[in-house]
Amino acid sequence: MSGTILVGYDGTEGADAALDEALRLAGEIGGPVVAVFAYKKVTVGGESRDLDEEVAERADAMLARARERAAKAGTSIETAFVEGPPADVLVQEAESRDARCVVIGSYGERPLRGVLVGATPFKLIHLCERPVLIVRAPDA
């Protein structure tokens, strides 16, 4: 297993908390951080192309923000925008990169809500064979 720490990153408060923790861990144990922005394409409707372009622009902006946060922390980071369901993408990326662990943010969803709406952290703990660290977003 490599020292890579994979983090799901979409620019939200939970993702910022997860990125900060991933950067802290990388500083302690060494190894790079890979921030992944995952997006499942919309396949119906005539305006899906516009939405996909908008999401790609957001991904670029958010991943640039992740690179800035890493630079301030003095930690190397790689970023990736990958199309697909977020939990599936993170599992695949963790496997293909032989990641040490996956770090993901959470908004404090209750277990029942996570099961009902299919929150990414809940899916990850069931799908991923790598250790998963769920970092709760700070209370607003």
Protein backbone atom coordinates (compact mmCIF):
# COMPACT_ATOMS: atom_id res chain seq x y z
CA MET A 1 0.00 0.00 0.00
CA SER A 2 1.34 3.42 -0.94
CA GLY A 3 1.34 6.47 1.31
CA THR A 4 -1.23 8.25 -0.86
CA ILE A 5 -4.16 9.78 0.96
CA LEU A 6 -7.20 10.11 -1.27
CA VAL A 7 -9.75 12.78 -0.39
CA GLY A 8 -13.17 13.43 -1.91
CA TYR A 9 -13.34 17.17 -2.56
CA ASP A 10 -16.18 19.33 -3.83
CA GLY A 11 -15.46 22.61 -2.06
CA THR A 12 -18.17 22.29 0.60
CA GLU A 13 -17.52 22.80 4.32
CA GLY A 14 -17.38 19.05 4.84
CA ALA A 15 -14.92 18.67 1.98
CA ASP A 16 -12.75 21.49 3.38
CA ALA A 17 -12.66 19.71 6.75
CA ALA A 18 -11.74 16.44 5.03
CA LEU A 19 -9.01 18.11 2.97
CA ASP A 20 -7.55 19.80 6.04
CA GLU A 21 -7.43 16.43 7.82
CA ALA A 22 -5.87 14.72 4.79
CA LEU A 23 -3.21 17.45 4.59
CA ARG A 24 -2.54 17.11 8.34
CA LEU A 25 -2.18 13.35 8.02
CA ALA A 26 0.12 13.68 5.03
CA GLY A 27 2.28 16.07 7.03
CA GLU A 28 2.56 13.53 9.83
CA ILE A 29 3.01 10.29 7.87
CA GLY A 30 4.43 11.62 4.62
CA GLY A 31 3.16 10.87 1.18
CA PRO A 32 1.04 12.76 -1.30
CA VAL A 33 -2.59 13.77 -1.18
CA VAL A 34 -4.91 13.24 -4.14
CA ALA A 35 -8.09 15.36 -4.16
CA VAL A 36 -10.85 13.95 -6.36
CA PHE A 37 -13.94 15.84 -7.53
CA ALA A 38 -16.46 13.27 -8.75
CA TYR A 39 -19.64 14.02 -10.69
CA LYS A 40 -22.28 11.74 -12.09
CA LYS A 41 -23.33 13.09 -15.48
CA VAL A 42 -26.95 13.89 -16.13
CA THR A 43 -28.07 11.77 -19.08
CA VAL A 44 -31.57 13.13 -19.65
CA GLY A 45 -32.77 16.50 -20.79
CA GLY A 46 -31.61 18.82 -23.51
CA GLU A 47 -29.69 21.09 -21.18
CA SER A 48 -27.45 18.43 -19.68
CA ARG A 49 -24.50 19.64 -21.77
CA ASP A 50 -24.79 23.10 -20.20
CA LEU A 51 -24.97 21.54 -16.75
CA ASP A 52 -21.93 19.34 -17.45
CA GLU A 53 -19.95 22.40 -18.58
CA GLU A 54 -21.02 24.29 -15.47
CA VAL A 55 -19.98 21.39 -13.23
CA ALA A 56 -16.62 21.09 -15.02
CA GLU A 57 -16.00 24.80 -14.39
CA ARG A 58 -16.92 24.37 -10.71
CA ALA A 59 -14.65 21.33 -10.46
CA ASP A 60 -11.73 23.31 -11.92
CA ALA A 61 -12.34 26.16 -9.45
CA MET A 62 -12.73 23.86 -6.44
CA LEU A 63 -9.66 21.79 -7.31
CA ALA A 64 -7.64 25.00 -7.74
CA ARG A 65 -8.80 25.94 -4.25
CA ALA A 66 -7.64 22.53 -2.98
CA ARG A 67 -4.22 23.12 -4.55
CA GLU A 68 -4.01 26.54 -2.83
CA ARG A 69 -4.89 25.02 0.56
CA ALA A 70 -2.24 22.33 0.07
CA ALA A 71 0.39 24.89 -0.93
CA LYS A 72 -0.34 26.88 2.23
CA ALA A 73 0.03 23.66 4.24
CA GLY A 74 3.30 22.85 2.47
CA THR A 75 1.98 19.50 1.22
CA SER A 76 2.11 18.12 -2.31
CA ILE A 77 -1.25 17.43 -3.90
CA GLU A 78 -2.58 16.00 -7.11
CA THR A 79 -6.12 16.75 -8.25
CA ALA A 80 -8.53 14.89 -10.52
CA PHE A 81 -12.01 15.48 -11.94
CA VAL A 82 -13.60 12.10 -12.60
CA GLU A 83 -17.07 11.43 -13.99
CA GLY A 84 -19.15 8.87 -12.13
CA PRO A 85 -21.04 8.34 -8.90
CA PRO A 86 -18.84 9.82 -6.14
CA ALA A 87 -18.61 6.74 -3.91
CA ASP A 88 -17.84 4.46 -6.86
CA VAL A 89 -15.25 6.90 -8.21
CA LEU A 90 -13.50 7.19 -4.85
CA VAL A 91 -13.37 3.41 -4.44
CA GLN A 92 -11.95 2.96 -7.95
CA GLU A 93 -9.41 5.75 -7.48
CA ALA A 94 -8.32 4.35 -4.10
CA GLU A 95 -7.78 0.92 -5.64
CA SER A 96 -6.01 2.15 -8.78
CA ARG A 97 -3.70 4.40 -6.75
CA ASP A 98 -3.17 1.83 -4.00
CA ALA A 99 -4.19 4.52 -1.49
CA ARG A 100 -3.44 4.20 2.21
CA CYS A 101 -6.92 5.57 3.03
CA VAL A 102 -9.87 7.61 1.78
CA VAL A 103 -10.88 10.78 3.59
CA ILE A 104 -14.38 12.20 3.08
CA GLY A 105 -16.38 14.97 4.67
CA SER A 106 -19.77 14.60 6.28
CA TYR A 107 -22.45 16.99 7.35
CA GLY A 108 -23.52 14.92 10.33
CA GLU A 109 -26.29 13.03 8.57
CA ARG A 110 -28.09 10.64 10.84
CA PRO A 111 -27.64 6.98 9.81
CA LEU A 112 -31.23 6.57 8.62
CA ARG A 113 -31.04 9.65 6.41
CA GLY A 114 -27.73 8.45 4.97
CA VAL A 115 -29.26 5.10 4.10
CA LEU A 116 -32.37 6.67 2.58
CA VAL A 117 -30.65 9.28 0.44
CA GLY A 118 -27.47 7.30 -0.20
CA ALA A 119 -24.95 9.75 1.24
CA THR A 120 -21.44 9.21 -0.10
CA PRO A 121 -19.78 8.56 3.30
CA PHE A 122 -22.29 5.81 4.08
CA LYS A 123 -21.77 4.21 0.68
CA LEU A 124 -18.00 4.39 1.05
CA ILE A 125 -17.85 2.52 4.32
CA HIS A 126 -19.73 -0.34 2.67
CA LEU A 127 -17.97 -0.36 -0.71
CA CYS A 128 -14.36 0.53 0.05
CA GLU A 129 -11.86 -2.07 1.15
CA ARG A 130 -9.42 0.65 2.20
CA PRO A 131 -9.72 2.48 5.52
CA VAL A 132 -12.24 5.32 5.31
CA LEU A 133 -11.93 8.39 7.54
CA ILE A 134 -15.13 10.44 7.76
CA VAL A 135 -14.52 14.00 8.92
CA ARG A 136 -17.51 15.92 10.18
CA ALA A 137 -18.00 19.48 8.96
CA PRO A 138 -17.79 22.07 11.71
CA ASP A 139 -21.16 23.05 13.13
CA ALA A 140 -22.54 26.13 11.43
